[in-house]
N, C-alpha and C. Protein backbone atom coordinates (compact mmCIF):
# COMPACT_ATOMS: atom_id res chain seq x y z
N MET A 1 31.79 76.88 -146.74
CA MET A 1 31.45 77.02 -145.35
C MET A 1 31.23 75.64 -144.71
N GLU A 2 30.56 74.74 -145.46
CA GLU A 2 30.31 73.40 -144.94
C GLU A 2 31.63 72.65 -144.77
N ASN A 3 32.54 72.79 -145.72
CA ASN A 3 33.84 72.13 -145.65
C ASN A 3 34.63 72.64 -144.44
N THR A 4 34.54 73.93 -144.17
CA THR A 4 35.23 74.50 -143.01
C THR A 4 34.69 73.90 -141.72
N TRP A 5 33.36 73.72 -141.65
CA TRP A 5 32.77 73.11 -140.45
C TRP A 5 33.27 71.69 -140.27
N TRP A 6 33.32 70.90 -141.36
CA TRP A 6 33.80 69.52 -141.27
C TRP A 6 35.26 69.46 -140.84
N LEU A 7 36.08 70.33 -141.39
CA LEU A 7 37.49 70.35 -141.00
C LEU A 7 37.65 70.74 -139.54
N SER A 8 36.88 71.71 -139.09
CA SER A 8 36.92 72.13 -137.69
C SER A 8 36.48 71.01 -136.77
N LYS A 9 35.40 70.33 -137.15
CA LYS A 9 34.87 69.23 -136.33
C LYS A 9 35.86 68.06 -136.30
N ALA A 10 36.49 67.76 -137.43
CA ALA A 10 37.47 66.68 -137.49
C ALA A 10 38.68 66.99 -136.60
N THR A 11 39.13 68.22 -136.62
CA THR A 11 40.25 68.64 -135.77
C THR A 11 39.87 68.53 -134.30
N GLU A 12 38.67 68.96 -133.97
CA GLU A 12 38.18 68.89 -132.59
C GLU A 12 38.13 67.44 -132.11
N ILE A 13 37.56 66.56 -132.92
CA ILE A 13 37.45 65.15 -132.54
C ILE A 13 38.82 64.52 -132.41
N GLN A 14 39.72 64.83 -133.32
CA GLN A 14 41.08 64.29 -133.25
C GLN A 14 41.79 64.77 -131.98
N ASN A 15 41.57 66.01 -131.60
CA ASN A 15 42.16 66.56 -130.38
C ASN A 15 41.64 65.81 -129.16
N TYR A 16 40.33 65.52 -129.13
CA TYR A 16 39.77 64.75 -128.01
C TYR A 16 40.39 63.35 -127.96
N ALA A 17 40.57 62.74 -129.12
CA ALA A 17 41.16 61.40 -129.17
C ALA A 17 42.61 61.42 -128.70
N ASP A 18 43.36 62.43 -129.13
CA ASP A 18 44.78 62.52 -128.76
C ASP A 18 44.99 62.79 -127.28
N THR A 19 44.06 63.48 -126.66
CA THR A 19 44.21 63.85 -125.24
C THR A 19 43.42 62.94 -124.31
N ASN A 20 42.92 61.80 -124.85
CA ASN A 20 42.18 60.80 -124.06
C ASN A 20 40.97 61.38 -123.35
N MET A 21 40.27 62.28 -124.00
CA MET A 21 39.04 62.85 -123.45
C MET A 21 37.87 62.09 -124.07
N ALA A 22 37.63 60.89 -123.52
CA ALA A 22 36.68 59.96 -124.12
C ALA A 22 35.26 60.52 -124.15
N HIS A 23 34.82 61.13 -123.07
CA HIS A 23 33.44 61.64 -123.01
C HIS A 23 33.22 62.70 -124.09
N GLN A 24 34.12 63.65 -124.20
CA GLN A 24 33.98 64.70 -125.21
C GLN A 24 34.09 64.11 -126.63
N PHE A 25 34.96 63.10 -126.77
CA PHE A 25 35.14 62.43 -128.06
C PHE A 25 33.81 61.84 -128.53
N TYR A 26 33.15 61.07 -127.66
CA TYR A 26 31.90 60.43 -128.04
C TYR A 26 30.77 61.44 -128.22
N GLN A 27 30.78 62.50 -127.43
CA GLN A 27 29.77 63.55 -127.60
C GLN A 27 29.93 64.21 -128.98
N ALA A 28 31.17 64.47 -129.38
CA ALA A 28 31.42 65.09 -130.68
C ALA A 28 31.03 64.14 -131.82
N ILE A 29 31.30 62.86 -131.66
CA ILE A 29 30.91 61.87 -132.67
C ILE A 29 29.39 61.84 -132.81
N LYS A 30 28.70 61.86 -131.66
CA LYS A 30 27.23 61.87 -131.70
C LYS A 30 26.71 63.13 -132.38
N ALA A 31 27.38 64.25 -132.20
CA ALA A 31 26.95 65.50 -132.84
C ALA A 31 27.09 65.39 -134.36
N VAL A 32 28.11 64.69 -134.81
CA VAL A 32 28.33 64.53 -136.25
C VAL A 32 27.32 63.56 -136.85
N TYR A 33 27.13 62.42 -136.20
CA TYR A 33 26.26 61.38 -136.77
C TYR A 33 24.79 61.56 -136.42
N GLY A 34 24.50 62.36 -135.43
CA GLY A 34 23.10 62.60 -135.07
C GLY A 34 22.57 61.51 -134.15
N PRO A 35 21.30 61.60 -133.78
CA PRO A 35 20.72 60.62 -132.85
C PRO A 35 20.54 59.26 -133.52
N LYS A 36 20.54 58.23 -132.68
CA LYS A 36 20.29 56.88 -133.18
C LYS A 36 18.79 56.66 -133.33
N PHE A 37 18.44 55.89 -134.30
CA PHE A 37 17.05 55.52 -134.48
C PHE A 37 16.91 54.05 -134.12
N HIS A 38 16.03 53.77 -133.18
CA HIS A 38 15.78 52.41 -132.77
C HIS A 38 14.51 51.92 -133.44
N SER A 39 14.62 50.78 -134.04
CA SER A 39 13.44 50.20 -134.65
C SER A 39 13.41 48.71 -134.34
N THR A 40 12.25 48.15 -134.36
CA THR A 40 12.12 46.72 -134.15
C THR A 40 11.88 46.06 -135.49
N HIS A 41 12.58 44.99 -135.71
CA HIS A 41 12.43 44.25 -136.95
C HIS A 41 11.52 43.06 -136.71
N PRO A 42 10.64 42.78 -137.63
CA PRO A 42 9.72 41.67 -137.42
C PRO A 42 10.45 40.34 -137.32
N VAL A 43 9.86 39.43 -136.57
CA VAL A 43 10.42 38.11 -136.34
C VAL A 43 9.32 37.10 -136.62
N ARG A 44 9.72 35.95 -137.09
CA ARG A 44 8.73 34.90 -137.37
C ARG A 44 8.48 34.06 -136.12
N THR A 45 7.30 33.48 -136.05
CA THR A 45 6.97 32.58 -134.96
C THR A 45 7.81 31.31 -135.09
N LYS A 46 7.72 30.45 -134.09
CA LYS A 46 8.53 29.24 -134.06
C LYS A 46 8.28 28.36 -135.28
N ASP A 47 7.04 28.32 -135.76
CA ASP A 47 6.73 27.49 -136.93
C ASP A 47 7.18 28.14 -138.24
N GLY A 48 7.60 29.41 -138.18
CA GLY A 48 8.13 30.10 -139.35
C GLY A 48 7.09 30.65 -140.31
N ILE A 49 5.83 30.56 -139.94
CA ILE A 49 4.76 30.99 -140.86
C ILE A 49 4.34 32.43 -140.58
N THR A 50 4.01 32.74 -139.34
CA THR A 50 3.46 34.04 -138.98
C THR A 50 4.57 35.04 -138.67
N LEU A 51 4.40 36.26 -139.12
CA LEU A 51 5.35 37.34 -138.87
C LEU A 51 4.89 38.14 -137.66
N ILE A 52 5.74 38.26 -136.64
CA ILE A 52 5.40 39.00 -135.43
C ILE A 52 5.92 40.42 -135.59
N LYS A 53 5.07 41.41 -135.36
CA LYS A 53 5.46 42.81 -135.51
C LYS A 53 5.37 43.60 -134.21
N ASP A 54 4.63 43.10 -133.23
CA ASP A 54 4.47 43.79 -131.96
C ASP A 54 5.74 43.63 -131.12
N LYS A 55 6.24 44.74 -130.56
CA LYS A 55 7.50 44.73 -129.83
C LYS A 55 7.48 43.73 -128.67
N LYS A 56 6.39 43.71 -127.91
CA LYS A 56 6.28 42.81 -126.77
C LYS A 56 6.34 41.35 -127.23
N ASP A 57 5.65 41.04 -128.30
CA ASP A 57 5.64 39.67 -128.83
C ASP A 57 7.00 39.29 -129.41
N ILE A 58 7.69 40.25 -130.02
CA ILE A 58 9.04 39.98 -130.55
C ILE A 58 9.98 39.65 -129.41
N LEU A 59 9.94 40.43 -128.34
CA LEU A 59 10.80 40.16 -127.19
C LEU A 59 10.48 38.81 -126.57
N SER A 60 9.21 38.47 -126.52
CA SER A 60 8.79 37.18 -125.98
C SER A 60 9.32 36.04 -126.85
N ARG A 61 9.27 36.21 -128.16
CA ARG A 61 9.78 35.17 -129.07
C ARG A 61 11.29 35.02 -128.93
N TRP A 62 12.01 36.13 -128.79
CA TRP A 62 13.45 36.06 -128.58
C TRP A 62 13.77 35.34 -127.27
N ALA A 63 13.01 35.64 -126.22
CA ALA A 63 13.22 34.97 -124.94
C ALA A 63 12.99 33.47 -125.09
N GLU A 64 11.93 33.10 -125.80
CA GLU A 64 11.63 31.68 -126.04
C GLU A 64 12.77 31.02 -126.81
N HIS A 65 13.25 31.69 -127.86
CA HIS A 65 14.33 31.15 -128.68
C HIS A 65 15.61 30.95 -127.86
N LEU A 66 15.99 31.97 -127.09
CA LEU A 66 17.22 31.86 -126.29
C LEU A 66 17.08 30.83 -125.18
N GLN A 67 15.90 30.72 -124.62
CA GLN A 67 15.64 29.70 -123.59
C GLN A 67 15.89 28.31 -124.16
N GLU A 68 15.39 28.07 -125.35
CA GLU A 68 15.59 26.77 -126.00
C GLU A 68 17.05 26.56 -126.39
N LEU A 69 17.68 27.60 -126.88
CA LEU A 69 19.06 27.51 -127.35
C LEU A 69 20.04 27.27 -126.22
N LEU A 70 19.88 28.00 -125.12
CA LEU A 70 20.86 27.96 -124.05
C LEU A 70 20.60 26.91 -122.99
N ASN A 71 19.41 26.33 -122.96
CA ASN A 71 19.08 25.37 -121.91
C ASN A 71 18.86 23.98 -122.49
N GLN A 72 19.80 23.52 -123.28
CA GLN A 72 19.72 22.18 -123.84
C GLN A 72 20.60 21.25 -123.03
N ASP A 73 20.19 19.98 -122.95
CA ASP A 73 21.03 18.98 -122.30
C ASP A 73 22.25 18.75 -123.17
N ASN A 74 23.40 18.67 -122.53
CA ASN A 74 24.64 18.42 -123.25
C ASN A 74 25.23 17.12 -122.71
N PRO A 75 24.88 16.02 -123.35
CA PRO A 75 25.37 14.74 -122.83
C PRO A 75 26.89 14.64 -123.00
N VAL A 76 27.56 14.29 -121.93
CA VAL A 76 29.01 14.14 -121.95
C VAL A 76 29.34 12.71 -121.59
N ASP A 77 30.19 12.12 -122.38
CA ASP A 77 30.64 10.77 -122.10
C ASP A 77 31.74 10.87 -121.04
N GLN A 78 31.45 10.44 -119.83
CA GLN A 78 32.37 10.58 -118.71
C GLN A 78 33.68 9.84 -118.96
N SER A 79 33.65 8.76 -119.75
CA SER A 79 34.89 8.03 -120.02
C SER A 79 35.87 8.89 -120.81
N ILE A 80 35.36 9.76 -121.67
CA ILE A 80 36.23 10.67 -122.43
C ILE A 80 36.84 11.69 -121.48
N ALA A 81 36.02 12.24 -120.58
CA ALA A 81 36.52 13.23 -119.62
C ALA A 81 37.57 12.61 -118.71
N ASP A 82 37.41 11.34 -118.36
CA ASP A 82 38.39 10.66 -117.49
C ASP A 82 39.73 10.45 -118.18
N GLN A 83 39.76 10.46 -119.51
CA GLN A 83 41.00 10.25 -120.25
C GLN A 83 41.85 11.52 -120.36
N LEU A 84 41.29 12.66 -120.03
CA LEU A 84 42.05 13.90 -120.10
C LEU A 84 43.13 13.90 -119.02
N PRO A 85 44.34 14.35 -119.37
CA PRO A 85 45.40 14.36 -118.36
C PRO A 85 45.13 15.40 -117.28
N GLN A 86 45.43 15.04 -116.04
CA GLN A 86 45.26 15.97 -114.92
C GLN A 86 46.51 16.82 -114.81
N LEU A 87 46.35 18.12 -114.88
CA LEU A 87 47.48 19.03 -114.74
C LEU A 87 47.77 19.26 -113.26
N PRO A 88 49.02 19.57 -112.94
CA PRO A 88 49.34 19.80 -111.53
C PRO A 88 48.64 21.06 -111.01
N ILE A 89 48.31 21.04 -109.73
CA ILE A 89 47.67 22.18 -109.09
C ILE A 89 48.72 23.23 -108.78
N ILE A 90 48.45 24.48 -109.17
CA ILE A 90 49.38 25.58 -108.91
C ILE A 90 48.83 26.36 -107.72
N SER A 91 49.34 26.06 -106.54
CA SER A 91 48.79 26.65 -105.32
C SER A 91 49.13 28.14 -105.20
N GLU A 92 50.14 28.64 -105.93
CA GLU A 92 50.50 30.05 -105.88
C GLU A 92 49.38 30.94 -106.39
N LEU A 93 48.51 30.38 -107.21
CA LEU A 93 47.41 31.16 -107.75
C LEU A 93 46.36 31.47 -106.69
N ASP A 94 46.41 30.78 -105.55
CA ASP A 94 45.47 31.02 -104.47
C ASP A 94 45.85 32.22 -103.61
N THR A 95 47.09 32.69 -103.71
CA THR A 95 47.52 33.79 -102.86
C THR A 95 46.93 35.11 -103.37
N ILE A 96 46.59 35.98 -102.45
CA ILE A 96 46.03 37.28 -102.78
C ILE A 96 47.16 38.20 -103.22
N PRO A 97 46.99 38.94 -104.32
CA PRO A 97 48.05 39.83 -104.77
C PRO A 97 48.29 40.96 -103.77
N SER A 98 49.55 41.39 -103.70
CA SER A 98 49.90 42.48 -102.80
C SER A 98 49.49 43.82 -103.41
N ILE A 99 49.47 44.85 -102.60
CA ILE A 99 49.15 46.21 -103.08
C ILE A 99 50.14 46.63 -104.16
N GLU A 100 51.40 46.27 -103.97
CA GLU A 100 52.43 46.64 -104.96
C GLU A 100 52.15 45.97 -106.30
N GLU A 101 51.74 44.69 -106.28
CA GLU A 101 51.44 43.99 -107.52
C GLU A 101 50.23 44.60 -108.23
N ILE A 102 49.22 44.97 -107.46
CA ILE A 102 48.04 45.59 -108.04
C ILE A 102 48.39 46.95 -108.64
N SER A 103 49.19 47.72 -107.91
CA SER A 103 49.61 49.04 -108.39
C SER A 103 50.43 48.91 -109.66
N GLU A 104 51.33 47.96 -109.69
CA GLU A 104 52.16 47.75 -110.89
C GLU A 104 51.30 47.34 -112.08
N ALA A 105 50.32 46.46 -111.84
CA ALA A 105 49.44 46.03 -112.93
C ALA A 105 48.62 47.21 -113.46
N ALA A 106 48.12 48.05 -112.55
CA ALA A 106 47.34 49.22 -112.97
C ALA A 106 48.21 50.19 -113.76
N ASN A 107 49.44 50.39 -113.33
CA ASN A 107 50.34 51.27 -114.06
C ASN A 107 50.66 50.73 -115.44
N ASN A 108 50.81 49.41 -115.53
CA ASN A 108 51.07 48.81 -116.85
C ASN A 108 49.88 48.99 -117.77
N LEU A 109 48.67 48.94 -117.25
CA LEU A 109 47.49 49.16 -118.07
C LEU A 109 47.44 50.60 -118.59
N LYS A 110 47.83 51.56 -117.73
CA LYS A 110 47.82 52.96 -118.13
C LYS A 110 48.83 53.22 -119.23
N ASN A 111 49.97 52.55 -119.17
CA ASN A 111 51.06 52.80 -120.11
C ASN A 111 50.80 52.13 -121.46
N ASN A 112 49.90 51.18 -121.50
CA ASN A 112 49.64 50.49 -122.78
C ASN A 112 48.60 51.19 -123.51
């Protein structure tokens, strides 16, 4: 009986995938795998000694870490940047695409 249920569910999910019914596909997958469990994993403080277990403090530590990681000075030697070759400007890229071009691009996306 259990095997019959799995075969039926697999056929149903495959049918959703074949007919591009994404919402039903993901709903069926969720029914098979069940609900997600969210848990917070402990994180160490900046000095690496203390273990943080409180969700608010963990989020605060992640914010601190990302702030330090993403907001660093990046010294650039301007003489190196000046040595890069200048490519010609392609002014055609400034023109707004026509409705026909947008429609053709959308149709190409559907067909792929």
